[in-house]
């Protein structure tokens, strides 16, 4: 798998859980091969066989997905989430909130520098808007 096309992902504020996790592992979500025949209720594999380079990578990916899903509805973590009740991994969240959460709480190791920049840009924008509102 290749690295993400950050020129694209820097401009996509809302992503699905699995896309956010892929980006946190420095993997291009557009390279993932989704299993379109996954049975309902989460049984079966979400991705086609061979999507991951090795089993440790797949296990780390699934662990990260579980951690995000466990915190998905926590208002202190994510302000706005669109839940997909059929496939939770396809629920949508704000990418900059995701990055801020994983950095603040040190949830994952080895976060790509270019993903960290998304959080920094987001914080700078919020700070700029706050200062303009105070004037």
C-alpha atoms as a PDB file:
ATOM      1  CA  UNK A   1       0.000   0.000   0.000  1.00  0.00           C
ATOM      2  CA  UNK A   2       1.206   3.493  -0.739  1.00  0.00           C
ATOM      3  CA  UNK A   3       1.163   6.572   1.470  1.00  0.00           C
ATOM      4  CA  UNK A   4      -1.937   8.787   1.460  1.00  0.00           C
ATOM      5  CA  UNK A   5      -2.326  11.544  -1.075  1.00  0.00           C
ATOM      6  CA  UNK A   6      -2.207  14.290   1.522  1.00  0.00           C
ATOM      7  CA  UNK A   7      -2.997  16.965  -1.085  1.00  0.00           C
ATOM      8  CA  UNK A   8      -6.436  15.331  -1.227  1.00  0.00           C
ATOM      9  CA  UNK A   9      -6.969  14.340   2.419  1.00  0.00           C
ATOM     10  CA  UNK A  10      -5.999  17.816   3.692  1.00  0.00           C
ATOM     11  CA  UNK A  11      -9.227  19.062   2.109  1.00  0.00           C
ATOM     12  CA  UNK A  12     -11.638  16.347   3.258  1.00  0.00           C
ATOM     13  CA  UNK A  13     -13.030  17.287   6.684  1.00  0.00           C
ATOM     14  CA  UNK A  14     -15.487  14.401   7.096  1.00  0.00           C
ATOM     15  CA  UNK A  15     -14.200  10.838   6.796  1.00  0.00           C
ATOM     16  CA  UNK A  16     -15.405   7.370   7.653  1.00  0.00           C
ATOM     17  CA  UNK A  17     -13.924   5.670  10.715  1.00  0.00           C
ATOM     18  CA  UNK A  18     -11.948   3.177   8.658  1.00  0.00           C
ATOM     19  CA  UNK A  19     -10.530   5.984   6.484  1.00  0.00           C
ATOM     20  CA  UNK A  20      -9.369   7.923   9.557  1.00  0.00           C
ATOM     21  CA  UNK A  21      -7.698   4.797  10.924  1.00  0.00           C
ATOM     22  CA  UNK A  22      -6.015   4.112   7.582  1.00  0.00           C
ATOM     23  CA  UNK A  23      -4.648   7.660   7.540  1.00  0.00           C
ATOM     24  CA  UNK A  24      -3.395   7.230  11.117  1.00  0.00           C
ATOM     25  CA  UNK A  25      -1.333   4.281   9.851  1.00  0.00           C
ATOM     26  CA  UNK A  26      -0.074   6.288   6.850  1.00  0.00           C
ATOM     27  CA  UNK A  27      -2.079   4.135   4.430  1.00  0.00           C
ATOM     28  CA  UNK A  28      -4.009   5.464   1.441  1.00  0.00           C
ATOM     29  CA  UNK A  29      -7.706   4.679   2.039  1.00  0.00           C
ATOM     30  CA  UNK A  30      -8.385   4.700  -1.708  1.00  0.00           C
ATOM     31  CA  UNK A  31      -6.130   1.634  -2.003  1.00  0.00           C
ATOM     32  CA  UNK A  32      -8.280  -0.439   0.363  1.00  0.00           C
ATOM     33  CA  UNK A  33     -10.404  -3.105  -1.279  1.00  0.00           C
ATOM     34  CA  UNK A  34     -13.813  -3.140   0.389  1.00  0.00           C
ATOM     35  CA  UNK A  35     -15.762  -6.373   0.380  1.00  0.00           C
ATOM     36  CA  UNK A  36     -19.098  -5.333  -1.117  1.00  0.00           C
ATOM     37  CA  UNK A  37     -20.600  -8.688  -0.151  1.00  0.00           C
ATOM     38  CA  UNK A  38     -20.062  -8.336   3.613  1.00  0.00           C
ATOM     39  CA  UNK A  39     -23.110  -9.718   5.387  1.00  0.00           C
ATOM     40  CA  UNK A  40     -25.111  -7.373   7.600  1.00  0.00           C
ATOM     41  CA  UNK A  41     -24.468  -6.896  11.305  1.00  0.00           C
ATOM     42  CA  UNK A  42     -20.696  -6.910  10.995  1.00  0.00           C
ATOM     43  CA  UNK A  43     -20.181 -10.596  10.270  1.00  0.00           C
ATOM     44  CA  UNK A  44     -17.514 -11.379   7.722  1.00  0.00           C
ATOM     45  CA  UNK A  45     -14.567  -9.313   6.651  1.00  0.00           C
ATOM     46  CA  UNK A  46     -15.107  -5.662   5.710  1.00  0.00           C
ATOM     47  CA  UNK A  47     -12.068  -5.737   3.430  1.00  0.00           C
ATOM     48  CA  UNK A  48     -11.203  -8.206   0.699  1.00  0.00           C
ATOM     49  CA  UNK A  49      -8.476 -10.722   1.386  1.00  0.00           C
ATOM     50  CA  UNK A  50      -5.042  -9.360   0.570  1.00  0.00           C
ATOM     51  CA  UNK A  51      -5.879  -5.743   1.431  1.00  0.00           C
ATOM     52  CA  UNK A  52      -3.254  -5.701   4.184  1.00  0.00           C
ATOM     53  CA  UNK A  53       0.419  -6.471   3.617  1.00  0.00           C
ATOM     54  CA  UNK A  54       0.585  -8.733   6.665  1.00  0.00           C
ATOM     55  CA  UNK A  55      -1.399  -9.992   9.650  1.00  0.00           C
ATOM     56  CA  UNK A  56       0.203  -7.651  12.244  1.00  0.00           C
ATOM     57  CA  UNK A  57      -0.831  -4.669  10.092  1.00  0.00           C
ATOM     58  CA  UNK A  58      -4.393  -5.976   9.864  1.00  0.00           C
ATOM     59  CA  UNK A  59      -4.540  -6.637  13.627  1.00  0.00           C
ATOM     60  CA  UNK A  60      -3.272  -3.124  14.403  1.00  0.00           C
ATOM     61  CA  UNK A  61      -5.816  -1.658  12.001  1.00  0.00           C
ATOM     62  CA  UNK A  62      -8.714  -3.574  13.601  1.00  0.00           C
ATOM     63  CA  UNK A  63      -7.541  -2.603  17.104  1.00  0.00           C
ATOM     64  CA  UNK A  64      -7.537   1.071  16.133  1.00  0.00           C
ATOM     65  CA  UNK A  65     -11.002   0.751  14.610  1.00  0.00           C
ATOM     66  CA  UNK A  66     -12.303  -0.803  17.848  1.00  0.00           C
ATOM     67  CA  UNK A  67     -10.822   2.052  19.906  1.00  0.00           C
ATOM     68  CA  UNK A  68     -12.395   4.696  17.680  1.00  0.00           C
ATOM     69  CA  UNK A  69     -15.775   2.944  17.722  1.00  0.00           C
ATOM     70  CA  UNK A  70     -15.656   2.692  21.520  1.00  0.00           C
ATOM     71  CA  UNK A  71     -15.303   6.495  21.695  1.00  0.00           C
ATOM     72  CA  UNK A  72     -17.433   7.469  18.717  1.00  0.00           C
ATOM     73  CA  UNK A  73     -20.446   8.754  20.612  1.00  0.00           C
ATOM     74  CA  UNK A  74     -18.483  10.502  23.357  1.00  0.00           C
ATOM     75  CA  UNK A  75     -19.296  14.199  23.015  1.00  0.00           C
ATOM     76  CA  UNK A  76     -16.054  15.129  24.756  1.00  0.00           C
ATOM     77  CA  UNK A  77     -14.187  13.445  21.879  1.00  0.00           C
ATOM     78  CA  UNK A  78     -16.280  14.076  18.753  1.00  0.00           C
ATOM     79  CA  UNK A  79     -18.759  16.941  18.410  1.00  0.00           C
ATOM     80  CA  UNK A  80     -20.626  15.614  15.388  1.00  0.00           C
ATOM     81  CA  UNK A  81     -20.801  12.035  14.187  1.00  0.00           C
ATOM     82  CA  UNK A  82     -23.017  10.365  11.607  1.00  0.00           C
ATOM     83  CA  UNK A  83     -23.573   6.785  12.725  1.00  0.00           C
ATOM     84  CA  UNK A  84     -23.985   4.052  10.128  1.00  0.00           C
ATOM     85  CA  UNK A  85     -25.990   1.438  12.038  1.00  0.00           C
ATOM     86  CA  UNK A  86     -25.420  -1.281   9.443  1.00  0.00           C
ATOM     87  CA  UNK A  87     -21.624  -0.940   9.259  1.00  0.00           C
ATOM     88  CA  UNK A  88     -20.163   1.097  12.134  1.00  0.00           C
ATOM     89  CA  UNK A  89     -16.778   1.378  10.400  1.00  0.00           C
ATOM     90  CA  UNK A  90     -18.511   3.533   7.800  1.00  0.00           C
ATOM     91  CA  UNK A  91     -19.745   6.046  10.379  1.00  0.00           C
ATOM     92  CA  UNK A  92     -18.519   9.565   9.647  1.00  0.00           C
ATOM     93  CA  UNK A  93     -16.473  11.789  11.903  1.00  0.00           C
ATOM     94  CA  UNK A  94     -14.485  15.006  11.633  1.00  0.00           C
ATOM     95  CA  UNK A  95     -10.884  14.236  10.656  1.00  0.00           C
ATOM     96  CA  UNK A  96      -9.323  17.102  12.611  1.00  0.00           C
ATOM     97  CA  UNK A  97     -11.238  16.080  15.782  1.00  0.00           C
ATOM     98  CA  UNK A  98     -10.006  12.524  15.278  1.00  0.00           C
ATOM     99  CA  UNK A  99      -6.406  13.700  14.958  1.00  0.00           C
ATOM    100  CA  UNK A 100      -6.674  16.002  17.981  1.00  0.00           C
ATOM    101  CA  UNK A 101      -8.082  13.115  20.035  1.00  0.00           C
ATOM    102  CA  UNK A 102      -5.400  10.595  19.103  1.00  0.00           C
ATOM    103  CA  UNK A 103      -2.654  13.156  19.722  1.00  0.00           C
ATOM    104  CA  UNK A 104      -4.049  14.504  22.994  1.00  0.00           C
ATOM    105  CA  UNK A 105      -4.754  11.123  24.530  1.00  0.00           C
ATOM    106  CA  UNK A 106      -1.748   9.417  22.868  1.00  0.00           C
ATOM    107  CA  UNK A 107      -4.084   6.720  21.583  1.00  0.00           C
ATOM    108  CA  UNK A 108      -1.874   5.461  18.747  1.00  0.00           C
ATOM    109  CA  UNK A 109       1.850   5.458  18.129  1.00  0.00           C
ATOM    110  CA  UNK A 110       3.656   6.637  14.991  1.00  0.00           C
ATOM    111  CA  UNK A 111       1.132   9.158  13.711  1.00  0.00           C
ATOM    112  CA  UNK A 112       2.196  10.509  10.302  1.00  0.00           C
ATOM    113  CA  UNK A 113       3.550  14.052  10.396  1.00  0.00           C
ATOM    114  CA  UNK A 114       1.248  15.138   7.571  1.00  0.00           C
ATOM    115  CA  UNK A 115      -1.776  13.926   9.557  1.00  0.00           C
ATOM    116  CA  UNK A 116      -0.582  15.924  12.576  1.00  0.00           C
ATOM    117  CA  UNK A 117      -0.500  19.019  10.359  1.00  0.00           C
ATOM    118  CA  UNK A 118      -4.263  18.666   9.790  1.00  0.00           C
ATOM    119  CA  UNK A 119      -4.801  19.061  13.542  1.00  0.00           C
ATOM    120  CA  UNK A 120      -2.436  22.027  13.741  1.00  0.00           C
ATOM    121  CA  UNK A 121      -4.196  23.798  10.850  1.00  0.00           C
ATOM    122  CA  UNK A 122      -7.551  23.142  12.494  1.00  0.00           C
ATOM    123  CA  UNK A 123      -6.392  24.573  15.840  1.00  0.00           C
ATOM    124  CA  UNK A 124      -4.926  27.635  14.125  1.00  0.00           C
ATOM    125  CA  UNK A 125      -8.224  28.240  12.322  1.00  0.00           C
ATOM    126  CA  UNK A 126     -10.191  27.957  15.579  1.00  0.00           C
ATOM    127  CA  UNK A 127      -7.763  30.329  17.343  1.00  0.00           C
ATOM    128  CA  UNK A 128      -8.018  32.814  14.453  1.00  0.00           C
ATOM    129  CA  UNK A 129     -11.840  32.722  14.555  1.00  0.00           C
ATOM    130  CA  UNK A 130     -11.844  33.211  18.341  1.00  0.00           C
ATOM    131  CA  UNK A 131      -9.556  36.229  18.096  1.00  0.00           C
ATOM    132  CA  UNK A 132     -11.705  37.769  15.335  1.00  0.00           C
ATOM    133  CA  UNK A 133     -14.857  37.286  17.430  1.00  0.00           C
ATOM    134  CA  UNK A 134     -13.244  39.057  20.395  1.00  0.00           C
ATOM    135  CA  UNK A 135     -12.462  42.191  18.381  1.00  0.00           C
END
